[in-house]
Amino acid sequence: MKFEELLAKVRKMAEGKDVSGTDFLAVQVNITGDNSGVFYVEVKDGKVRIEPYEYNDRNCDITMSMDNFNKLIDGKLDPVMAFTLGKLKVGGDIGKALEFAKLVK
């Protein structure tokens, strides 16, 4: 899968998400490997924005391979297990990373 395809997949997933219980969340996702790239997910004012840029004032960032991120958003990889096994790295606020994990389920 190419990075642009992943970005489109994440945007499509975000369309129907109820984020009314989330005040503010900004997570930068770093995809490593052959089809690497960076994008951010921002939840603000009841809306989700996903853009292919770095987010300087983010709550946290997560770093994963393309394959593992796909497994995560498809529900085939548990985020806590991925973190424990070193397949997912978190920088910043781990609580916000867990909040993000709930959104992608």
N, C-alpha and C. Protein backbone atom coordinates (compact mmCIF):
# COMPACT_ATOMS: atom_id res chain seq x y z
N MET A 1 0.85 -1.18 0.00
CA MET A 1 0.00 0.00 0.00
C MET A 1 0.89 1.24 0.00
N LYS A 2 0.51 2.21 -0.79
CA LYS A 2 1.24 3.46 -0.84
C LYS A 2 0.75 4.38 0.28
N PHE A 3 1.59 5.33 0.64
CA PHE A 3 1.24 6.26 1.72
C PHE A 3 -0.05 7.01 1.41
N GLU A 4 -0.23 7.46 0.18
CA GLU A 4 -1.43 8.21 -0.20
C GLU A 4 -2.68 7.35 -0.03
N GLU A 5 -2.58 6.05 -0.31
CA GLU A 5 -3.71 5.14 -0.14
C GLU A 5 -4.06 4.98 1.34
N LEU A 6 -3.02 4.90 2.17
CA LEU A 6 -3.24 4.81 3.62
C LEU A 6 -3.95 6.07 4.13
N LEU A 7 -3.50 7.21 3.67
CA LEU A 7 -4.10 8.48 4.09
C LEU A 7 -5.58 8.52 3.70
N ALA A 8 -5.90 8.08 2.49
CA ALA A 8 -7.29 8.03 2.04
C ALA A 8 -8.11 7.07 2.90
N LYS A 9 -7.52 5.94 3.26
CA LYS A 9 -8.21 4.95 4.09
C LYS A 9 -8.52 5.53 5.48
N VAL A 10 -7.56 6.22 6.07
CA VAL A 10 -7.75 6.82 7.40
C VAL A 10 -8.81 7.93 7.32
N ARG A 11 -8.78 8.73 6.27
CA ARG A 11 -9.79 9.78 6.11
C ARG A 11 -11.19 9.18 5.99
N LYS A 12 -11.32 8.11 5.24
CA LYS A 12 -12.63 7.46 5.07
C LYS A 12 -13.12 6.90 6.40
N MET A 13 -12.22 6.31 7.19
CA MET A 13 -12.59 5.79 8.51
C MET A 13 -13.08 6.90 9.42
N ALA A 14 -12.47 8.08 9.31
CA ALA A 14 -12.79 9.20 10.19
C ALA A 14 -14.14 9.83 9.89
N GLU A 15 -14.65 9.62 8.68
CA GLU A 15 -15.91 10.27 8.27
C GLU A 15 -17.07 9.98 9.21
N GLY A 16 -17.21 8.76 9.67
CA GLY A 16 -18.36 8.42 10.48
C GLY A 16 -18.11 8.37 11.97
N LYS A 17 -16.96 8.81 12.42
CA LYS A 17 -16.62 8.72 13.84
C LYS A 17 -17.33 9.78 14.66
N ASP A 18 -17.86 9.34 15.80
CA ASP A 18 -18.46 10.26 16.75
C ASP A 18 -17.36 10.71 17.70
N VAL A 19 -16.97 11.97 17.60
CA VAL A 19 -15.89 12.50 18.45
C VAL A 19 -16.42 13.54 19.43
N SER A 20 -17.72 13.48 19.68
CA SER A 20 -18.34 14.48 20.56
C SER A 20 -17.78 14.44 21.97
N GLY A 21 -17.27 13.30 22.42
CA GLY A 21 -16.72 13.19 23.77
C GLY A 21 -15.26 13.58 23.86
N THR A 22 -14.65 13.95 22.75
CA THR A 22 -13.24 14.31 22.72
C THR A 22 -13.12 15.82 22.58
N ASP A 23 -12.50 16.46 23.59
CA ASP A 23 -12.36 17.92 23.57
C ASP A 23 -11.33 18.35 22.53
N PHE A 24 -10.09 17.89 22.68
CA PHE A 24 -9.02 18.21 21.74
C PHE A 24 -8.01 17.08 21.75
N LEU A 25 -7.59 16.70 20.56
CA LEU A 25 -6.60 15.64 20.41
C LEU A 25 -5.82 15.91 19.15
N ALA A 26 -4.51 15.89 19.26
CA ALA A 26 -3.64 16.07 18.09
C ALA A 26 -2.54 15.02 18.15
N VAL A 27 -2.59 14.11 17.18
CA VAL A 27 -1.64 13.01 17.13
C VAL A 27 -0.94 13.01 15.79
N GLN A 28 0.36 12.97 15.83
CA GLN A 28 1.14 12.84 14.60
C GLN A 28 1.47 11.37 14.41
N VAL A 29 1.24 10.86 13.21
CA VAL A 29 1.53 9.46 12.90
C VAL A 29 2.71 9.41 11.94
N ASN A 30 3.76 8.72 12.37
CA ASN A 30 4.96 8.56 11.55
C ASN A 30 4.98 7.13 11.02
N ILE A 31 4.87 6.99 9.72
CA ILE A 31 4.90 5.67 9.08
C ILE A 31 6.31 5.43 8.57
N THR A 32 6.88 4.29 8.98
CA THR A 32 8.25 3.96 8.59
C THR A 32 8.26 2.89 7.51
N GLY A 33 9.41 2.72 6.88
CA GLY A 33 9.55 1.66 5.88
C GLY A 33 9.57 2.22 4.47
N ASP A 34 9.31 1.33 3.51
CA ASP A 34 9.38 1.69 2.09
C ASP A 34 8.43 2.80 1.70
N ASN A 35 7.20 2.76 2.18
CA ASN A 35 6.20 3.78 1.86
C ASN A 35 5.98 4.70 3.04
N SER A 36 7.06 5.26 3.53
CA SER A 36 7.01 6.08 4.74
C SER A 36 6.33 7.42 4.47
N GLY A 37 5.91 8.05 5.55
CA GLY A 37 5.29 9.36 5.47
C GLY A 37 4.83 9.81 6.84
N VAL A 38 4.35 11.03 6.91
CA VAL A 38 3.88 11.62 8.16
C VAL A 38 2.52 12.25 7.91
N PHE A 39 1.61 12.03 8.85
CA PHE A 39 0.34 12.75 8.81
C PHE A 39 -0.12 12.99 10.24
N TYR A 40 -1.11 13.88 10.38
CA TYR A 40 -1.64 14.10 11.72
C TYR A 40 -3.14 13.93 11.72
N VAL A 41 -3.64 13.59 12.89
CA VAL A 41 -5.06 13.49 13.14
C VAL A 41 -5.37 14.49 14.24
N GLU A 42 -6.27 15.41 13.95
CA GLU A 42 -6.66 16.43 14.92
C GLU A 42 -8.16 16.34 15.16
N VAL A 43 -8.53 16.26 16.42
CA VAL A 43 -9.94 16.32 16.81
C VAL A 43 -10.11 17.63 17.55
N LYS A 44 -10.98 18.48 16.99
CA LYS A 44 -11.17 19.81 17.56
C LYS A 44 -12.57 20.30 17.16
N ASP A 45 -13.29 20.84 18.12
CA ASP A 45 -14.62 21.40 17.87
C ASP A 45 -15.56 20.37 17.23
N GLY A 46 -15.44 19.10 17.64
CA GLY A 46 -16.33 18.06 17.14
C GLY A 46 -16.04 17.58 15.73
N LYS A 47 -14.90 17.97 15.18
CA LYS A 47 -14.53 17.58 13.82
C LYS A 47 -13.17 16.90 13.81
N VAL A 48 -12.98 16.01 12.85
CA VAL A 48 -11.71 15.32 12.68
C VAL A 48 -11.04 15.83 11.41
N ARG A 49 -9.79 16.23 11.54
CA ARG A 49 -9.00 16.64 10.38
C ARG A 49 -7.81 15.70 10.27
N ILE A 50 -7.51 15.29 9.06
CA ILE A 50 -6.37 14.43 8.80
C ILE A 50 -5.61 15.05 7.63
N GLU A 51 -4.36 15.42 7.89
CA GLU A 51 -3.56 16.11 6.88
C GLU A 51 -2.16 15.50 6.81
N PRO A 52 -1.56 15.50 5.63
CA PRO A 52 -0.22 14.90 5.46
C PRO A 52 0.92 15.85 5.84
N TYR A 53 0.89 16.34 7.06
CA TYR A 53 1.92 17.27 7.53
C TYR A 53 2.32 16.91 8.96
N GLU A 54 3.43 17.47 9.39
CA GLU A 54 3.81 17.34 10.79
C GLU A 54 2.95 18.31 11.60
N TYR A 55 2.74 17.98 12.87
CA TYR A 55 1.93 18.81 13.76
C TYR A 55 2.82 19.19 14.93
N ASN A 56 3.26 20.42 14.96
CA ASN A 56 4.26 20.84 15.96
C ASN A 56 3.74 20.86 17.39
N ASP A 57 2.50 21.24 17.60
CA ASP A 57 1.94 21.33 18.96
C ASP A 57 1.09 20.11 19.30
N ARG A 58 1.54 18.95 18.89
CA ARG A 58 0.78 17.71 19.10
C ARG A 58 0.81 17.26 20.55
N ASN A 59 -0.20 16.46 20.91
CA ASN A 59 -0.22 15.83 22.23
C ASN A 59 0.77 14.69 22.30
N CYS A 60 0.87 13.94 21.19
CA CYS A 60 1.79 12.81 21.14
C CYS A 60 2.05 12.45 19.68
N ASP A 61 3.01 11.59 19.48
CA ASP A 61 3.23 11.03 18.16
C ASP A 61 3.41 9.54 18.30
N ILE A 62 2.97 8.83 17.26
CA ILE A 62 3.17 7.39 17.24
C ILE A 62 3.96 7.05 15.98
N THR A 63 4.80 6.04 16.10
CA THR A 63 5.63 5.60 14.99
C THR A 63 5.42 4.11 14.79
N MET A 64 5.09 3.73 13.56
CA MET A 64 4.83 2.33 13.22
C MET A 64 5.19 2.09 11.76
N SER A 65 5.35 0.83 11.41
CA SER A 65 5.51 0.48 10.00
C SER A 65 4.15 0.55 9.32
N MET A 66 4.15 0.65 8.01
CA MET A 66 2.91 0.68 7.24
C MET A 66 2.07 -0.57 7.52
N ASP A 67 2.71 -1.72 7.50
CA ASP A 67 2.02 -2.99 7.71
C ASP A 67 1.36 -3.04 9.09
N ASN A 68 2.09 -2.66 10.13
CA ASN A 68 1.53 -2.70 11.48
C ASN A 68 0.44 -1.67 11.68
N PHE A 69 0.56 -0.49 11.07
CA PHE A 69 -0.49 0.52 11.20
C PHE A 69 -1.77 0.04 10.53
N ASN A 70 -1.64 -0.60 9.38
CA ASN A 70 -2.81 -1.17 8.70
C ASN A 70 -3.48 -2.22 9.58
N LYS A 71 -2.69 -3.07 10.21
CA LYS A 71 -3.25 -4.08 11.12
C LYS A 71 -3.96 -3.40 12.28
N LEU A 72 -3.39 -2.32 12.79
CA LEU A 72 -3.99 -1.59 13.91
C LEU A 72 -5.36 -1.04 13.53
N ILE A 73 -5.45 -0.34 12.41
CA ILE A 73 -6.72 0.28 12.04
C ILE A 73 -7.74 -0.74 11.52
N ASP A 74 -7.27 -1.91 11.11
CA ASP A 74 -8.18 -2.98 10.70
C ASP A 74 -8.64 -3.83 11.87
N GLY A 75 -8.13 -3.54 13.08
CA GLY A 75 -8.53 -4.27 14.27
C GLY A 75 -7.81 -5.60 14.45
N LYS A 76 -6.74 -5.81 13.70
CA LYS A 76 -5.99 -7.07 13.77
C LYS A 76 -4.77 -6.99 14.68
N LEU A 77 -4.52 -5.80 15.21
CA LEU A 77 -3.38 -5.60 16.11
C LEU A 77 -3.84 -4.72 17.27
N ASP A 78 -3.73 -5.23 18.46
CA ASP A 78 -4.10 -4.48 19.66
C ASP A 78 -3.03 -3.42 19.93
N PRO A 79 -3.43 -2.16 20.16
CA PRO A 79 -2.44 -1.11 20.36
C PRO A 79 -1.55 -1.32 21.59
N VAL A 80 -2.12 -1.83 22.67
CA VAL A 80 -1.33 -2.06 23.88
C VAL A 80 -0.31 -3.17 23.63
N MET A 81 -0.74 -4.22 22.95
CA MET A 81 0.16 -5.32 22.62
C MET A 81 1.25 -4.84 21.67
N ALA A 82 0.88 -4.03 20.68
CA ALA A 82 1.86 -3.50 19.72
C ALA A 82 2.91 -2.67 20.45
N PHE A 83 2.47 -1.86 21.42
CA PHE A 83 3.40 -1.04 22.20
C PHE A 83 4.33 -1.93 23.02
N THR A 84 3.76 -2.95 23.66
CA THR A 84 4.52 -3.86 24.49
C THR A 84 5.58 -4.61 23.68
N LEU A 85 5.23 -4.98 22.46
CA LEU A 85 6.14 -5.73 21.60
C LEU A 85 7.11 -4.84 20.82
N GLY A 86 6.98 -3.51 20.98
CA GLY A 86 7.87 -2.59 20.29
C GLY A 86 7.48 -2.32 18.85
N LYS A 87 6.29 -2.72 18.46
CA LYS A 87 5.82 -2.48 17.09
C LYS A 87 5.23 -1.08 16.95
N LEU A 88 4.97 -0.44 18.08
CA LEU A 88 4.41 0.90 18.12
C LEU A 88 5.21 1.70 19.14
N LYS A 89 5.71 2.83 18.72
CA LYS A 89 6.46 3.71 19.63
C LYS A 89 5.65 4.97 19.84
N VAL A 90 5.64 5.43 21.08
CA VAL A 90 4.88 6.63 21.44
C VAL A 90 5.81 7.68 22.01
N GLY A 91 5.66 8.90 21.52
CA GLY A 91 6.38 10.04 22.08
C GLY A 91 5.34 11.01 22.61
N GLY A 92 5.57 11.56 23.79
CA GLY A 92 4.61 12.50 24.36
C GLY A 92 3.65 11.84 25.32
N ASP A 93 2.43 12.31 25.34
CA ASP A 93 1.40 11.90 26.29
C ASP A 93 0.81 10.53 25.93
N ILE A 94 1.15 9.52 26.71
CA ILE A 94 0.66 8.16 26.45
C ILE A 94 -0.85 8.09 26.62
N GLY A 95 -1.42 8.86 27.53
CA GLY A 95 -2.87 8.89 27.71
C GLY A 95 -3.58 9.33 26.44
N LYS A 96 -3.01 10.32 25.76
CA LYS A 96 -3.60 10.78 24.50
C LYS A 96 -3.43 9.73 23.40
N ALA A 97 -2.34 8.97 23.44
CA ALA A 97 -2.15 7.88 22.48
C ALA A 97 -3.22 6.81 22.68
N LEU A 98 -3.57 6.53 23.93
CA LEU A 98 -4.63 5.57 24.22
C LEU A 98 -5.98 6.09 23.77
N GLU A 99 -6.19 7.39 23.94
CA GLU A 99 -7.44 8.01 23.47
C GLU A 99 -7.53 7.89 21.95
N PHE A 100 -6.41 8.08 21.27
CA PHE A 100 -6.35 7.92 19.81
C PHE A 100 -6.66 6.46 19.42
N ALA A 101 -6.12 5.53 20.18
CA ALA A 101 -6.35 4.10 19.90
C ALA A 101 -7.83 3.77 19.96
N LYS A 102 -8.55 4.39 20.89
CA LYS A 102 -10.00 4.16 21.01
C LYS A 102 -10.72 4.70 19.77
N LEU A 103 -10.22 5.80 19.21
CA LEU A 103 -10.85 6.38 18.03
C LEU A 103 -10.69 5.51 16.79
N VAL A 104 -9.54 4.84 16.67
CA VAL A 104 -9.30 4.04 15.47
C VAL A 104 -9.94 2.66 15.54
N LYS A 105 -10.49 2.29 16.69
CA LYS A 105 -11.17 0.99 16.80
C LYS A 105 -12.53 1.06 16.17
